[in-house]
Structure formats: structure tokens, C-alpha cells
Protein backbone atom coordinates (compact mmCIF):
# COMPACT_ATOMS: atom_id res chain seq x y z
CA UNK A 1 82.70 64.23 118.18
CA UNK A 2 86.24 65.65 118.08
CA UNK A 3 88.32 68.09 116.08
CA UNK A 4 89.19 65.39 113.55
CA UNK A 5 85.71 65.44 112.02
CA UNK A 6 85.86 65.05 108.26
CA UNK A 7 84.38 67.39 105.66
CA UNK A 8 81.20 65.32 105.38
CA UNK A 9 80.39 66.15 108.99
CA UNK A 10 80.49 69.84 108.11
CA UNK A 11 78.18 69.26 105.12
CA UNK A 12 75.82 67.12 107.22
CA UNK A 13 76.18 68.24 110.85
CA UNK A 14 74.47 66.25 113.60
CA UNK A 15 71.13 67.48 114.87
CA UNK A 16 71.20 69.81 117.85
CA UNK A 17 67.45 70.34 117.92
CA UNK A 18 66.06 73.87 117.62
CA UNK A 19 68.90 76.41 117.47
CA UNK A 20 68.81 80.13 118.29
CA UNK A 21 71.75 82.30 117.23
CA UNK A 22 72.31 85.67 118.91
CA UNK A 23 74.40 88.44 117.30
CA UNK A 24 74.82 91.94 118.71
CA UNK A 25 73.58 93.88 115.67
CA UNK A 26 73.35 93.59 111.89
CA UNK A 27 74.56 96.81 110.27
CA UNK A 28 77.27 95.65 107.84
CA UNK A 29 79.41 92.72 106.70
CA UNK A 30 82.58 92.78 108.76
CA UNK A 31 84.68 90.03 110.31
CA UNK A 32 82.08 89.19 112.95
CA UNK A 33 79.32 88.91 110.37
CA UNK A 34 81.44 86.57 108.21
CA UNK A 35 81.82 84.33 111.25
CA UNK A 36 78.08 84.58 111.91
CA UNK A 37 77.34 83.56 108.32
CA UNK A 38 79.57 80.47 108.66
CA UNK A 39 77.80 79.46 111.88
CA UNK A 40 74.37 79.94 110.36
CA UNK A 41 75.35 77.86 107.33
CA UNK A 42 75.65 74.89 109.71
CA UNK A 43 72.05 75.42 110.86
CA UNK A 44 69.77 76.33 107.93
CA UNK A 45 66.70 76.37 110.19
CA UNK A 46 68.24 78.41 113.00
CA UNK A 47 66.45 81.60 114.06
CA UNK A 48 68.53 84.74 114.47
CA UNK A 49 68.13 87.29 117.28
CA UNK A 50 69.78 90.72 117.15
CA UNK A 51 69.31 94.11 118.81
CA UNK A 52 68.64 95.76 115.46
CA UNK A 53 68.94 94.94 111.78
CA UNK A 54 69.29 97.36 108.89
CA UNK A 55 67.98 95.33 105.91
CA UNK A 56 70.36 95.02 102.98
CA UNK A 57 73.53 95.62 105.03
CA UNK A 58 74.44 91.94 105.48
CA UNK A 59 74.58 88.96 103.15
CA UNK A 60 71.52 87.33 101.63
CA UNK A 61 72.59 84.13 103.36
CA UNK A 62 72.20 85.77 106.77
CA UNK A 63 68.99 87.52 105.77
CA UNK A 64 67.46 84.25 104.59
CA UNK A 65 66.99 83.28 108.25
CA UNK A 66 64.10 84.35 110.44
CA UNK A 67 65.43 87.49 112.16
CA UNK A 68 64.03 88.75 115.46
CA UNK A 69 65.01 92.28 116.52
CA UNK A 70 64.64 93.97 119.89
CA UNK A 71 62.55 96.92 121.01
CA UNK A 72 65.52 99.12 119.99
CA UNK A 73 64.94 98.50 116.26
CA UNK A 74 62.86 101.63 115.61
CA UNK A 75 65.07 103.83 117.78
CA UNK A 76 68.32 102.62 116.17
CA UNK A 77 66.92 103.54 112.75
CA UNK A 78 66.36 107.13 113.84
CA UNK A 79 69.58 108.02 115.67
CA UNK A 80 72.72 109.12 113.84
CA UNK A 81 74.95 106.69 115.78
CA UNK A 82 73.35 103.56 117.21
CA UNK A 83 76.23 103.14 119.67
CA UNK A 84 74.81 106.03 121.69
CA UNK A 85 72.11 103.54 122.72
CA UNK A 86 74.70 101.46 124.61
CA UNK A 87 73.07 102.02 128.06
CA UNK A 88 69.90 100.35 126.72
CA UNK A 89 71.59 97.27 125.26
CA UNK A 90 71.72 95.03 128.38
CA UNK A 91 67.99 95.15 129.09
CA UNK A 92 67.06 94.83 125.41
CA UNK A 93 69.17 91.73 124.85
CA UNK A 94 67.35 89.87 127.63
CA UNK A 95 63.82 90.48 126.33
CA UNK A 96 63.52 87.40 124.11
CA UNK A 97 61.85 84.19 125.24
CA UNK A 98 64.20 81.42 124.09
CA UNK A 99 62.50 78.62 126.03
CA UNK A 100 61.48 76.73 122.86
CA UNK A 101 65.09 76.30 121.72
CA UNK A 102 67.43 73.43 122.58
CA UNK A 103 70.74 75.19 121.90
CA UNK A 104 71.79 78.86 122.12
CA UNK A 105 74.81 80.14 120.19
CA UNK A 106 75.88 83.74 120.77
CA UNK A 107 78.30 85.57 118.49
CA UNK A 108 79.34 88.35 120.83
CA UNK A 109 81.58 91.40 120.90
CA UNK A 110 79.25 93.39 123.17
CA UNK A 111 76.11 92.13 124.95
CA UNK A 112 74.89 89.12 122.93
CA UNK A 113 76.39 86.65 125.41
CA UNK A 114 74.16 88.18 128.12
CA UNK A 115 70.99 86.79 126.55
CA UNK A 116 68.58 84.97 128.89
CA UNK A 117 69.25 81.37 127.80
CA UNK A 118 66.51 79.98 130.08
CA UNK A 119 68.75 77.20 131.38
CA UNK A 120 69.54 75.87 127.90
CA UNK A 121 72.99 74.96 126.66
CA UNK A 122 74.67 78.19 125.56
CA UNK A 123 77.93 78.40 123.62
CA UNK A 124 79.39 81.90 123.26
CA UNK A 125 81.78 82.59 120.40
CA UNK A 126 83.48 85.64 121.88
CA UNK A 127 85.11 88.00 119.38
CA UNK A 128 86.17 90.18 122.31
CA UNK A 129 84.86 91.29 125.69
CA UNK A 130 83.28 94.76 125.37
CA UNK A 131 86.30 96.86 124.44
CA UNK A 132 84.84 100.20 125.47
CA UNK A 133 84.18 99.17 129.08
CA UNK A 134 87.23 96.97 129.66
CA UNK A 135 90.72 97.39 128.17
CA UNK A 136 89.96 100.08 125.54
CA UNK A 137 88.01 102.54 127.70
CA UNK A 138 90.76 105.18 127.50
CA UNK A 139 90.85 104.92 123.69
CA UNK A 140 87.11 105.44 123.30
CA UNK A 141 86.79 108.07 126.06
CA UNK A 142 90.17 109.84 126.29
CA UNK A 143 89.08 113.09 127.94
CA UNK A 144 86.35 115.64 128.61
CA UNK A 145 82.70 115.43 129.53
CA UNK A 146 82.12 112.19 127.62
CA UNK A 147 84.73 110.46 129.77
CA UNK A 148 83.16 111.74 133.00
CA UNK A 149 79.74 110.52 131.92
CA UNK A 150 81.04 107.22 130.60
CA UNK A 151 82.96 106.19 133.71
CA UNK A 152 79.95 105.25 135.91
CA UNK A 153 78.19 103.68 132.91
CA UNK A 154 81.26 101.55 132.19
CA UNK A 155 81.41 100.38 135.80
CA UNK A 156 77.74 99.36 135.66
CA UNK A 157 78.22 97.54 132.35
CA UNK A 158 81.24 95.67 133.72
CA UNK A 159 79.17 94.44 136.65
CA UNK A 160 76.43 93.33 134.29
CA UNK A 161 78.94 91.68 131.95
CA UNK A 162 80.56 89.65 134.71
CA UNK A 163 77.25 88.63 136.28
CA UNK A 164 75.78 87.36 133.00
CA UNK A 165 78.94 85.58 131.87
CA UNK A 166 78.16 82.95 134.50
CA UNK A 167 75.23 81.72 132.43
CA UNK A 168 77.34 80.87 129.38
CA UNK A 169 77.89 77.12 129.32
CA UNK A 170 81.05 77.24 127.25
CA UNK A 171 83.19 80.07 125.90
CA UNK A 172 85.04 79.85 122.59
CA UNK A 173 87.49 82.67 121.81
CA UNK A 174 88.76 83.79 118.41
CA UNK A 175 92.38 83.99 119.65
CA UNK A 176 94.57 83.17 122.62
CA UNK A 177 94.70 86.90 123.36
CA UNK A 178 90.90 87.03 123.76
CA UNK A 179 91.04 83.75 125.69
CA UNK A 180 93.33 85.39 128.25
CA UNK A 181 90.98 88.37 128.62
CA UNK A 182 87.98 86.07 129.13
CA UNK A 183 89.91 84.41 131.94
CA UNK A 184 90.92 87.77 133.43
CA UNK A 185 87.52 89.49 133.28
CA UNK A 186 85.09 86.58 133.74
CA UNK A 187 87.19 83.96 135.52
CA UNK A 188 86.32 81.45 132.78
CA UNK A 189 88.31 79.11 130.59
CA UNK A 190 87.78 79.23 126.83
CA UNK A 191 88.65 77.08 123.84
CA UNK A 192 90.17 78.83 120.81
CA UNK A 193 88.74 78.52 117.29
CA UNK A 194 90.34 80.94 114.86
CA UNK A 195 88.28 82.75 112.20
CA UNK A 196 88.94 82.16 108.51
CA UNK A 197 90.04 83.97 105.38
CA UNK A 198 87.63 84.53 102.49
CA UNK A 199 88.28 82.26 99.51
CA UNK A 200 88.29 85.30 97.18
CA UNK A 201 91.68 86.32 98.59
CA UNK A 202 93.14 82.84 98.20
CA UNK A 203 91.98 82.53 94.59
CA UNK A 204 93.22 85.95 93.43
CA UNK A 205 96.43 86.15 91.32
CA UNK A 206 99.67 85.87 93.29
CA UNK A 207 102.03 88.67 92.27
CA UNK A 208 105.77 88.27 92.76
CA UNK A 209 106.72 91.84 91.84
CA UNK A 210 105.40 94.60 94.08
CA UNK A 211 104.81 98.34 93.85
CA UNK A 212 106.56 100.80 96.14
CA UNK A 213 103.83 101.33 98.73
CA UNK A 214 102.61 99.80 101.98
CA UNK A 215 98.97 99.43 103.03
CA UNK A 216 96.90 99.97 106.16
CA UNK A 217 93.47 98.33 105.98
CA UNK A 218 91.48 99.35 109.03
CA UNK A 219 88.52 101.05 110.59
CA UNK A 220 89.67 104.59 111.36
CA UNK A 221 89.03 104.61 115.10
CA UNK A 222 91.50 105.55 117.87
CA UNK A 223 92.49 102.10 119.12
CA UNK A 224 93.64 101.03 115.64
CA UNK A 225 96.60 103.48 115.95
CA UNK A 226 96.57 104.32 112.23
CA UNK A 227 98.32 107.62 112.95
CA UNK A 228 101.44 105.68 113.94
CA UNK A 229 101.67 104.19 110.43
CA UNK A 230 101.11 107.62 108.87
CA UNK A 231 103.82 109.19 111.02
CA UNK A 232 106.27 106.41 110.14
CA UNK A 233 105.54 106.82 106.43
CA UNK A 234 105.99 110.58 106.57
CA UNK A 235 109.21 110.31 108.59
CA UNK A 236 110.74 107.91 106.06
CA UNK A 237 109.20 109.25 102.84
CA UNK A 238 107.49 105.93 102.10
CA UNK A 239 104.24 105.79 100.16
CA UNK A 240 101.31 104.62 102.25
CA UNK A 241 97.78 103.75 101.15
CA UNK A 242 95.15 103.77 103.93
CA UNK A 243 91.92 101.90 103.19
CA UNK A 244 88.86 102.15 105.42
CA UNK A 245 86.37 104.59 106.87
CA UNK A 246 85.45 105.83 110.31
CA UNK A 247 85.23 108.95 112.46
CA UNK A 248 88.95 109.76 112.13
CA UNK A 249 88.93 109.91 108.30
CA UNK A 250 88.44 113.72 107.98
CA UNK A 251 91.12 114.43 110.60
CA UNK A 252 93.63 112.06 109.00
CA UNK A 253 93.04 113.54 105.56
CA UNK A 254 93.74 117.03 106.90
CA UNK A 255 97.00 116.08 108.59
CA UNK A 256 98.48 113.66 106.03
CA UNK A 257 101.26 114.58 103.60
CA UNK A 258 101.42 113.96 99.85
CA UNK A 259 102.96 110.49 100.23
CA UNK A 260 99.90 109.24 102.19
CA UNK A 261 96.71 108.41 100.28
CA UNK A 262 93.47 107.79 102.18
CA UNK A 263 90.97 105.95 99.99
CA UNK A 264 88.13 105.67 102.48
CA UNK A 265 85.72 102.72 102.23
CA UNK A 266 86.22 100.73 99.03
CA UNK A 267 85.01 97.50 97.42
CA UNK A 268 86.56 94.10 98.06
CA UNK A 269 87.98 94.15 94.52
CA UNK A 270 89.91 97.35 95.28
CA UNK A 271 91.16 95.88 98.56
CA UNK A 272 92.42 92.75 96.78
CA UNK A 273 94.12 94.84 94.10
CA UNK A 274 95.99 97.06 96.56
CA UNK A 275 96.91 94.30 99.01
CA UNK A 276 98.15 92.15 96.15
CA UNK A 277 100.51 94.89 94.90
CA UNK A 278 101.73 96.22 98.26
CA UNK A 279 105.11 95.71 99.90
CA UNK A 280 103.37 94.89 103.19
CA UNK A 281 100.25 95.28 105.28
CA UNK A 282 100.94 97.42 108.36
CA UNK A 283 99.08 96.56 111.56
CA UNK A 284 99.98 99.35 114.01
CA UNK A 285 97.47 98.56 116.80
CA UNK A 286 96.59 95.62 119.04
CA UNK A 287 93.98 93.37 117.41
CA UNK A 288 91.70 90.81 119.06
CA UNK A 289 92.54 88.46 116.18
CA UNK A 290 92.57 90.36 112.91
CA UNK A 291 91.16 89.12 109.60
CA UNK A 292 93.16 91.63 107.53
CA UNK A 293 96.51 89.88 108.19
CA UNK A 294 95.00 86.65 106.82
CA UNK A 295 93.71 88.51 103.76
CA UNK A 296 97.14 90.02 103.12
CA UNK A 297 98.93 86.70 103.58
CA UNK A 298 96.42 84.99 101.27
CA UNK A 299 97.70 87.38 98.58
CA UNK A 300 101.34 86.61 99.41
CA UNK A 301 101.79 89.95 101.17
CA UNK A 302 103.80 89.95 104.43
CA UNK A 303 102.42 91.59 107.56
CA UNK A 304 104.33 94.19 109.58
CA UNK A 305 102.58 94.18 112.94
CA UNK A 306 102.95 95.33 116.49
CA UNK A 307 103.98 92.13 118.26
CA UNK A 308 101.04 91.97 120.63
CA UNK A 309 97.48 90.68 120.65
CA UNK A 310 95.75 88.17 118.41
CA UNK A 311 98.09 88.68 115.46
CA UNK A 312 100.57 86.43 117.26
CA UNK A 313 98.21 83.53 116.46
CA UNK A 314 98.35 84.10 112.70
CA UNK A 315 101.67 85.69 111.69
CA UNK A 316 104.88 83.62 111.61
CA UNK A 317 107.82 86.03 112.11
CA UNK A 318 110.36 85.77 109.31
CA UNK A 319 108.09 83.55 107.21
CA UNK A 320 104.83 85.48 106.78
CA UNK A 321 105.67 88.80 108.42
CA UNK A 322 107.66 90.83 110.92
CA UNK A 323 106.80 92.07 114.41
CA UNK A 324 107.90 95.43 115.76
CA UNK A 325 108.09 95.42 119.54
CA UNK A 326 107.23 98.97 120.60
CA UNK A 327 104.49 101.29 119.32
CA UNK A 328 106.95 103.93 118.13
CA UNK A 329 107.82 105.49 114.79
CA UNK A 330 111.44 104.27 114.96
CA UNK A 331 110.44 100.68 115.76
CA UNK A 332 107.94 100.58 112.90
CA UNK A 333 110.38 102.19 110.45
CA UNK A 334 112.95 99.53 111.28
CA UNK A 335 110.44 96.75 110.67
CA UNK A 336 109.40 98.26 107.32
CA UNK A 337 113.03 98.42 106.22
CA UNK A 338 113.49 94.78 107.20
CA UNK A 339 110.35 93.79 105.28
CA UNK A 340 111.60 95.56 102.15
CA UNK A 341 114.98 93.78 102.32
CA UNK A 342 113.59 90.33 103.05
CA UNK A 343 113.22 87.76 100.29
CA UNK A 344 109.66 86.57 100.76
CA UNK A 345 108.35 83.22 99.56
CA UNK A 346 104.91 84.39 98.47
CA UNK A 347 103.58 80.90 97.81
CA UNK A 348 104.54 79.86 101.35
CA UNK A 349 102.83 82.94 102.78
CA UNK A 350 99.64 82.04 100.90
CA UNK A 351 99.86 78.39 101.95
CA UNK A 352 99.98 79.45 105.60
CA UNK A 353 96.91 81.66 105.19
CA UNK A 354 95.08 78.76 103.54
CA UNK A 355 95.25 76.76 106.78
CA UNK A 356 92.76 79.30 108.21
CA UNK A 357 89.90 77.94 106.12
CA UNK A 358 86.16 78.23 106.51
CA UNK A 359 85.81 74.42 106.49
CA UNK A 360 88.33 74.13 109.34
CA UNK A 361 86.45 76.79 111.32
CA UNK A 362 83.13 75.00 110.88
CA UNK A 363 84.63 71.61 111.76
CA UNK A 364 86.15 72.93 114.98
CA UNK A 365 82.96 74.78 115.90
CA UNK A 366 80.92 71.59 115.50
CA UNK A 367 83.35 69.82 117.83
CA UNK A 368 82.86 72.58 120.43
CA UNK A 369 79.08 72.44 120.03
CA UNK A 370 79.15 68.68 120.60
CA UNK A 371 80.94 69.37 123.88
CA UNK A 372 78.28 71.79 125.07
CA UNK A 373 75.06 70.30 123.66
CA UNK A 374 72.74 68.96 126.33
CA UNK A 375 74.75 70.24 129.28
CA UNK A 376 72.85 73.48 130.00
CA UNK A 377 73.99 76.15 132.47
CA UNK A 378 74.28 73.60 135.26
CA UNK A 379 77.37 72.08 133.70
CA UNK A 380 80.53 71.86 135.74
CA UNK A 381 82.22 74.37 133.47
CA UNK A 382 79.66 77.12 133.98
CA UNK A 383 79.61 76.46 137.73
CA UNK A 384 83.33 77.15 137.80
CA UNK A 385 82.67 80.77 136.81
CA UNK A 386 84.54 82.92 139.28
CA UNK A 387 82.83 85.57 141.38
CA UNK A 388 86.15 87.05 142.37
CA UNK A 389 86.37 89.61 139.53
CA UNK A 390 86.14 93.03 141.13
CA UNK A 391 83.07 95.08 140.21
CA UNK A 392 85.06 98.25 140.78
CA UNK A 393 87.82 97.32 138.35
CA UNK A 394 89.15 100.41 136.56
CA UNK A 395 89.71 99.76 132.83
CA UNK A 396 93.01 100.60 131.19
CA UNK A 397 93.64 101.99 127.96
CA UNK A 398 84.86 95.09 113.66
CA UNK A 399 85.51 96.20 110.80
CA UNK A 400 87.61 98.20 108.42
CA UNK A 401 85.06 100.31 106.58
CA UNK A 402 83.05 100.92 109.76
CA UNK A 403 84.23 101.07 113.39
């Protein structure tokens, strides 16, 4: 099977035998969970394994599958922040006996790819290597006691991450940016299959006239750099609407001026309304891929983004958006001025977003699964996993409504 599979192959995929799908945790519908849902739709009988699941937080389509949780389920329900259980994740993810399955698919941004696949073919769709122990350590642990405590834990998790990456038969990344990090951290090659935009954004009305505000749609966590957009808006007097929740929301509300409105978490309908009326979507941080740019472009809204990371796979400068080259107020202000002057072809912006379809994602994933099925961990690709990644590597500095 190849990438030219027709739509009927997506509707009636070939049999891969018994399929187990591993996802880190089920606590909300974000970009990773939308991808998970699309994978599960290909395998109606697949069983789903996850560290913990909070019922009612993900789609009914996902919850229609048999869901196996780990021994952390009860504990995660009692703590105020399940991410504090991070030191326990590696052991918990390896507890399941997957010997009865023929194919393992992991949807991983943390530890799911480290599952014990028992020698079976294992395809990992990697949203990102663990940000908080690799390239984003300084963002998550900038200073103080938490940083001192986290440093040895991060080193241990990096060793575990590298060691268990060798047992993935084939990696698939969501962007070329993530593909490069897989190669750097794990010494592995990866194919690239981009995520998709929700049809609700493509079918919404396309507005030619726009209101006088820009939008940030993001989880309010440090690495998203939302403060840069706020500072640029305040320095230029532009109206800015910030949509999303997270631990920085109270701080940002205290420090923002009258021209900045922070809505917090909102419904998809409110997101579509604001994105469809905005001058632009601002993306001030480095994204692994970024679903929000696709959502904006599906509504004919250009993207003003820092020219780094996965957004370079989706935004076409001058046609669907503008890149600013340095993470500074002046650079962002210049890009916003350019976006306001530019005559945008909103139908062309939407048409570009439409190429990132769910059907295309599923077709390309089936082609990747055909490549891996039946090969197991003894395949030539998995044997090429490099052991040269340093265990002592020092790191350098999923959602919008939740971090």
C-alpha cells in the first residue's frame, strides 16, 4: 500500500489483526485526542490503553472503545495536578500485557511510546518528545527548588526515553520540526504525517470584512510565549483577544491593559466566531506543529507566527500568513502592521487549510501502518536506533484550554 490509496481504502482499511492503541492520558479533547480519534476510527475493534481516563472528558467515539487504565487511575483522580505523578509514568506505562495483539500504535507526547510491545510491530505517532525533559525544561522549571528537584528526574527520564525508543518499529512525526528532534534525541528516522483541521472550521462562513482585533488561541503556559503578544499589543495600542486557560491566566489578567481581553476557556462556537472576525491569529511561541494555525486559515484568517518550529509546515508566507524572525516586541509589531496592510485572498487561505484533511491524514497513516505491519521490533529500521545519544545531555530552554 502507498500514499496514493483512495478514499475507499480509508473507509475499508485492510486487516491488521488485533490492534492496541496507547495514548498517554485521557483528560480532555485537544489536538492529540483529535488525532487519536481519527486513528481509532480506522480500527473500530481496537482496545485503548492509557495511564488514566477521566470519563466524559473525551469524545463518545473514543469512549466507545474498551479502555484499559493503569494503576495510576485512582491516584490521578485524587491529586490536584496529575502531572505531579510524572516520576511514576514510566513504570506504569509498561505494566500492560500486550502479547495478544498483532499491532501496537502509540499516540505519544510523553511516555506512551515506551510501552512494552512484547516484540510486536509498534508504530509511534509522535506529537513531540517529552518537552519538559528535553528542549523545554527551562520553560517548565525556570528557577528555584522545583528546578533543583527536577534536574535529576529529567536526566533519569531522558535515559529511559532513549532506551525505550529503540523498541519502536517505526516513528511517524506530526511535523518536520518534530522529525528533526526525534533524530537528535533518539537517533531515529521518522516519516511525517501532518494532523488535520476540523471540518467545522472549513464549513463556517467566510468573512471578507474583519474587526479591529487580533487573536491568540493558546494554552496559557510559559513556552507558548503569550506575554510577547500582549506586550506587542500594549506597545502599539492594538486590540488583542486571548482565548484559552492555564496556570498563567490569573497573572496575565492582572498585568494586561484595557486593550487586551482574556476570555479564558470557551466553546468551539466562540472560537470560530472570534477567529472568523479577527485580523490575524498570532502565534508567538515555537509549536511542534500547531492545529490553531490550520483552524485560523480554514476561516480565511492569516497567521502571524514566529518563523520557527512546526508552523513552517503549514503557513505559506505572503499567501496564508507572515513570519516574524525574532521573538521581540518590535519584530512582532512589524509583522502585525504588514498583516494589516496586506490584501489577503481569504478563499485561497481556506483552500490551503483544506488540504490538511482528516481523510488525507487517515490515508497516509494507513500507508505507514502497511510499512510497519508484520515487521516487529527486529526490523532493520528499529535496529538502526542509535545508542550514541548522551545520557547526560543537558536540556535547553496540547491544548489551548488546558496545558
